[in-house]
Amino acid sequence: MPALLMIGVLVVTLAVTNHQKRTNNGPRQDPNFLDLTAYESAEDRPPRTGGGLASSVGGADSLKSAPLKITLQALDKRNYHFGDQVTYEVTLENITTSVLTIPWSPDPSKVGLDGPVNPPVYFEASLSLVAEDETAGPQFIDSHRIFGAPSVPGSLKIVRPREKVRIRAAGSWQFTDSSVARRVLAKSPFTVKVRANFRLGGGSSIQQYKTAISSNSQTAVLRKPDDN
Protein backbone atom coordinates (compact mmCIF):
# COMPACT_ATOMS: atom_id res chain seq x y z
CA MET A 1 0.00 0.00 0.00
CA PRO A 2 1.41 3.43 -0.91
CA ALA A 3 2.66 5.53 1.99
CA LEU A 4 0.19 8.37 1.38
CA LEU A 5 -2.75 5.94 1.33
CA MET A 6 -1.58 4.33 4.56
CA ILE A 7 -1.38 7.75 6.23
CA GLY A 8 -4.89 8.58 5.00
CA VAL A 9 -6.31 5.33 6.38
CA LEU A 10 -4.60 5.96 9.72
CA VAL A 11 -6.01 9.49 10.00
CA VAL A 12 -9.55 8.31 9.24
CA THR A 13 -9.23 5.43 11.70
CA LEU A 14 -8.08 7.73 14.48
CA ALA A 15 -10.89 10.18 13.74
CA VAL A 16 -13.55 7.45 13.88
CA THR A 17 -12.08 6.02 17.08
CA ASN A 18 -12.09 9.40 18.78
CA HIS A 19 -15.66 10.02 17.65
CA GLN A 20 -16.75 6.66 19.04
CA LYS A 21 -15.08 7.45 22.36
CA ARG A 22 -16.91 10.77 22.56
CA THR A 23 -20.17 9.13 21.58
CA ASN A 24 -19.85 6.20 23.96
CA ASN A 25 -18.36 7.97 26.94
CA GLY A 26 -19.50 11.54 26.35
CA PRO A 27 -17.25 14.59 26.63
CA ARG A 28 -14.69 14.50 29.39
CA GLN A 29 -16.14 16.06 32.50
CA ASP A 30 -14.31 18.47 34.78
CA PRO A 31 -13.83 16.60 38.09
CA ASN A 32 -14.05 19.93 39.94
CA PHE A 33 -17.46 20.82 38.49
CA LEU A 34 -20.84 19.58 39.73
CA ASP A 35 -23.90 20.38 37.59
CA LEU A 36 -27.03 20.13 39.71
CA THR A 37 -29.19 21.29 36.79
CA ALA A 38 -28.76 17.82 35.26
CA TYR A 39 -30.57 16.27 38.22
CA GLU A 40 -33.96 17.43 39.45
CA SER A 41 -35.98 15.61 42.07
CA ALA A 42 -38.41 16.74 44.73
CA GLU A 43 -36.51 14.53 47.15
CA ASP A 44 -33.34 16.60 46.94
CA ARG A 45 -35.04 19.80 48.08
CA PRO A 46 -35.12 20.85 51.74
CA PRO A 47 -38.07 22.84 53.11
CA ARG A 48 -37.81 26.30 51.58
CA THR A 49 -38.45 28.03 54.90
CA GLY A 50 -35.47 26.26 56.47
CA GLY A 51 -33.01 26.97 53.72
CA GLY A 52 -31.12 23.71 54.07
CA LEU A 53 -29.72 21.57 56.86
CA ALA A 54 -31.37 21.54 60.22
CA SER A 55 -29.56 23.29 63.05
CA SER A 56 -27.43 21.00 65.14
CA VAL A 57 -27.87 20.50 68.88
CA GLY A 58 -26.42 23.37 70.83
CA GLY A 59 -27.28 26.07 68.31
CA ALA A 60 -25.23 27.97 65.77
CA ASP A 61 -22.82 29.31 68.40
CA SER A 62 -21.46 25.80 68.99
CA LEU A 63 -20.67 25.23 65.31
CA LYS A 64 -17.24 25.65 63.78
CA SER A 65 -16.62 28.43 61.29
CA ALA A 66 -17.22 27.49 57.68
CA PRO A 67 -14.10 25.89 56.15
CA LEU A 68 -15.10 27.09 52.69
CA LYS A 69 -15.33 30.46 50.99
CA ILE A 70 -18.28 30.67 48.63
CA THR A 71 -18.48 33.10 45.72
CA LEU A 72 -21.57 33.68 43.61
CA GLN A 73 -19.94 33.84 40.20
CA ALA A 74 -22.88 34.65 37.97
CA LEU A 75 -26.57 34.49 37.18
CA ASP A 76 -27.57 33.36 33.71
CA LYS A 77 -29.38 36.65 33.02
CA ARG A 78 -29.93 40.07 34.53
CA ASN A 79 -33.64 40.53 33.70
CA TYR A 80 -36.33 38.07 34.79
CA HIS A 81 -40.07 37.78 35.17
CA PHE A 82 -41.40 36.55 38.49
CA GLY A 83 -41.56 32.75 38.31
CA ASP A 84 -38.81 32.48 35.66
CA GLN A 85 -36.04 29.94 36.04
CA VAL A 86 -32.74 31.30 37.31
CA THR A 87 -29.50 29.41 36.77
CA TYR A 88 -26.53 30.34 38.93
CA GLU A 89 -22.96 29.20 39.48
CA VAL A 90 -20.81 29.31 42.59
CA THR A 91 -17.23 28.49 43.48
CA LEU A 92 -16.18 26.91 46.75
CA GLU A 93 -12.63 27.38 48.01
CA ASN A 94 -11.03 25.41 50.83
CA ILE A 95 -9.67 28.16 53.10
CA THR A 96 -8.16 25.79 55.66
CA THR A 97 -4.70 24.22 55.74
CA SER A 98 -6.08 20.67 55.59
CA VAL A 99 -7.85 18.61 52.96
CA LEU A 100 -11.62 18.87 53.15
CA THR A 101 -14.26 16.30 52.25
CA ILE A 102 -17.56 17.53 50.85
CA PRO A 103 -20.55 15.64 49.42
CA TRP A 104 -20.68 15.48 45.62
CA SER A 105 -23.89 13.69 44.65
CA PRO A 106 -27.36 15.23 44.17
CA ASP A 107 -29.07 11.83 44.46
CA PRO A 108 -29.94 10.77 48.03
CA SER A 109 -30.90 7.28 46.88
CA LYS A 110 -27.33 6.54 45.77
CA VAL A 111 -26.09 7.33 49.26
CA GLY A 112 -28.85 5.38 51.00
CA LEU A 113 -30.64 8.43 52.41
CA ASP A 114 -34.02 7.60 50.87
CA GLY A 115 -34.73 4.63 53.15
CA PRO A 116 -35.91 4.26 56.75
CA VAL A 117 -32.34 4.03 58.10
CA ASN A 118 -29.49 6.35 57.15
CA PRO A 119 -25.97 4.99 56.59
CA PRO A 120 -23.76 5.12 59.71
CA VAL A 121 -21.60 7.90 58.25
CA TYR A 122 -22.67 10.34 55.58
CA PHE A 123 -22.05 13.92 54.45
CA GLU A 124 -24.73 16.42 53.56
CA ALA A 125 -24.59 20.00 52.33
CA SER A 126 -27.08 22.68 51.42
CA LEU A 127 -26.58 25.20 48.60
CA SER A 128 -29.00 28.13 48.53
CA LEU A 129 -29.64 31.27 46.53
CA VAL A 130 -30.86 34.01 48.86
CA ALA A 131 -32.36 37.42 48.10
CA GLU A 132 -31.71 40.34 50.41
CA ASP A 133 -34.83 42.10 51.68
CA GLU A 134 -34.48 45.06 54.04
CA THR A 135 -37.92 44.54 55.57
CA ALA A 136 -38.47 40.78 55.85
CA GLY A 137 -34.87 39.58 55.94
CA PRO A 138 -33.23 36.92 53.74
CA GLN A 139 -35.54 35.23 51.24
CA PHE A 140 -34.62 31.77 49.98
CA ILE A 141 -35.05 31.67 46.20
CA ASP A 142 -33.66 28.19 45.69
CA SER A 143 -32.12 25.40 47.77
CA HIS A 144 -30.42 22.13 46.87
CA ARG A 145 -29.11 19.36 49.07
CA ILE A 146 -25.97 17.43 48.15
CA PHE A 147 -25.07 14.04 49.58
CA GLY A 148 -22.13 11.68 49.99
CA ALA A 149 -20.89 8.67 51.94
CA PRO A 150 -17.52 6.92 52.24
CA SER A 151 -19.20 3.66 51.22
CA VAL A 152 -20.37 5.09 47.86
CA PRO A 153 -17.58 5.64 45.30
CA GLY A 154 -17.73 9.01 43.56
CA SER A 155 -20.16 10.57 46.03
CA LEU A 156 -17.49 12.54 47.92
CA LYS A 157 -15.09 15.23 46.75
CA ILE A 158 -11.68 15.85 48.30
CA VAL A 159 -10.77 19.54 48.17
CA ARG A 160 -7.15 20.44 48.88
CA PRO A 161 -6.14 23.66 50.67
CA ARG A 162 -6.84 26.68 48.43
CA GLU A 163 -8.35 24.43 45.76
CA LYS A 164 -11.60 25.61 44.17
CA VAL A 165 -14.58 23.65 42.87
CA ARG A 166 -17.63 24.86 40.94
CA ILE A 167 -21.31 24.06 41.30
CA ARG A 168 -24.13 25.05 38.96
CA ALA A 169 -27.76 25.00 40.10
CA ALA A 170 -31.15 26.30 39.02
CA GLY A 171 -34.39 27.33 40.64
CA SER A 172 -37.28 29.73 40.04
CA TRP A 173 -37.88 33.28 41.18
CA GLN A 174 -40.14 32.87 44.20
CA PHE A 175 -39.95 34.23 47.73
CA THR A 176 -40.32 32.52 51.11
CA ASP A 177 -42.55 35.34 52.41
CA SER A 178 -45.67 35.98 50.32
CA SER A 179 -45.77 39.60 51.53
CA VAL A 180 -42.35 40.15 49.97
CA ALA A 181 -43.61 38.72 46.68
CA ARG A 182 -46.59 41.08 46.69
CA ARG A 183 -44.36 44.08 47.44
CA VAL A 184 -41.90 43.14 44.69
CA LEU A 185 -44.70 42.68 42.15
CA ALA A 186 -46.21 46.02 43.12
CA LYS A 187 -42.92 47.78 42.38
CA SER A 188 -42.24 46.04 39.06
CA PRO A 189 -39.58 46.36 37.76
CA PHE A 190 -37.75 45.67 41.04
CA THR A 191 -33.98 45.42 41.51
CA VAL A 192 -32.88 42.73 43.95
CA LYS A 193 -29.49 41.62 45.27
CA VAL A 194 -28.85 37.91 45.76
CA ARG A 195 -26.13 35.97 47.54
CA ALA A 196 -25.27 32.29 47.79
CA ASN A 197 -25.08 30.19 50.97
CA PHE A 198 -23.40 26.84 51.56
CA ARG A 199 -23.72 24.77 54.71
CA LEU A 200 -21.69 21.62 55.30
CA GLY A 201 -22.52 18.85 57.74
CA GLY A 202 -23.63 15.27 57.92
CA GLY A 203 -24.65 12.42 60.15
CA SER A 204 -23.06 10.53 63.03
CA SER A 205 -19.63 11.98 63.90
CA ILE A 206 -19.38 14.35 60.91
CA GLN A 207 -18.46 17.89 61.93
CA GLN A 208 -21.21 20.50 61.62
CA TYR A 209 -20.24 23.96 60.38
CA LYS A 210 -21.71 27.43 60.28
CA THR A 211 -23.22 28.54 57.00
CA ALA A 212 -20.82 30.11 54.51
CA ILE A 213 -22.33 33.25 52.96
CA SER A 214 -20.91 34.80 49.82
CA SER A 215 -19.28 38.15 50.50
CA ASN A 216 -20.22 39.26 47.00
CA SER A 217 -23.67 39.58 45.48
CA GLN A 218 -25.28 39.66 42.04
CA THR A 219 -28.04 42.02 40.96
CA ALA A 220 -31.17 41.06 39.04
CA VAL A 221 -34.23 42.97 37.82
CA LEU A 222 -37.61 41.31 38.45
CA ARG A 223 -40.81 42.11 36.58
CA LYS A 224 -44.40 40.95 36.83
CA PRO A 225 -45.20 38.03 34.50
CA ASP A 226 -47.24 40.30 32.21
CA ASP A 227 -44.81 43.24 32.37
CA ASN A 228 -42.72 43.52 29.22
Foldseek 3Di string as FASTA:
>chain_A
DDPVVVVVVVVVVVVVVVVVCCVVVNDDDDLQEAECAVDDDPVFFDPQVVQFDDADPPGQVPAAADQKAKAWDDWPDFEEAAFDKIKTKMKIARADQAKDKAFRAQDVVLQPNVDPDHPQWKKKKKKFKWWQDPPPGIWTQGMGMGIGDPVHPPGMDIHHHGRMGMYMDMGGRDTPDVVVVVVCAVPPFDKIKIWMKMWIFIDDPTGGHDIHIHPDIDIHTYYHPPDD
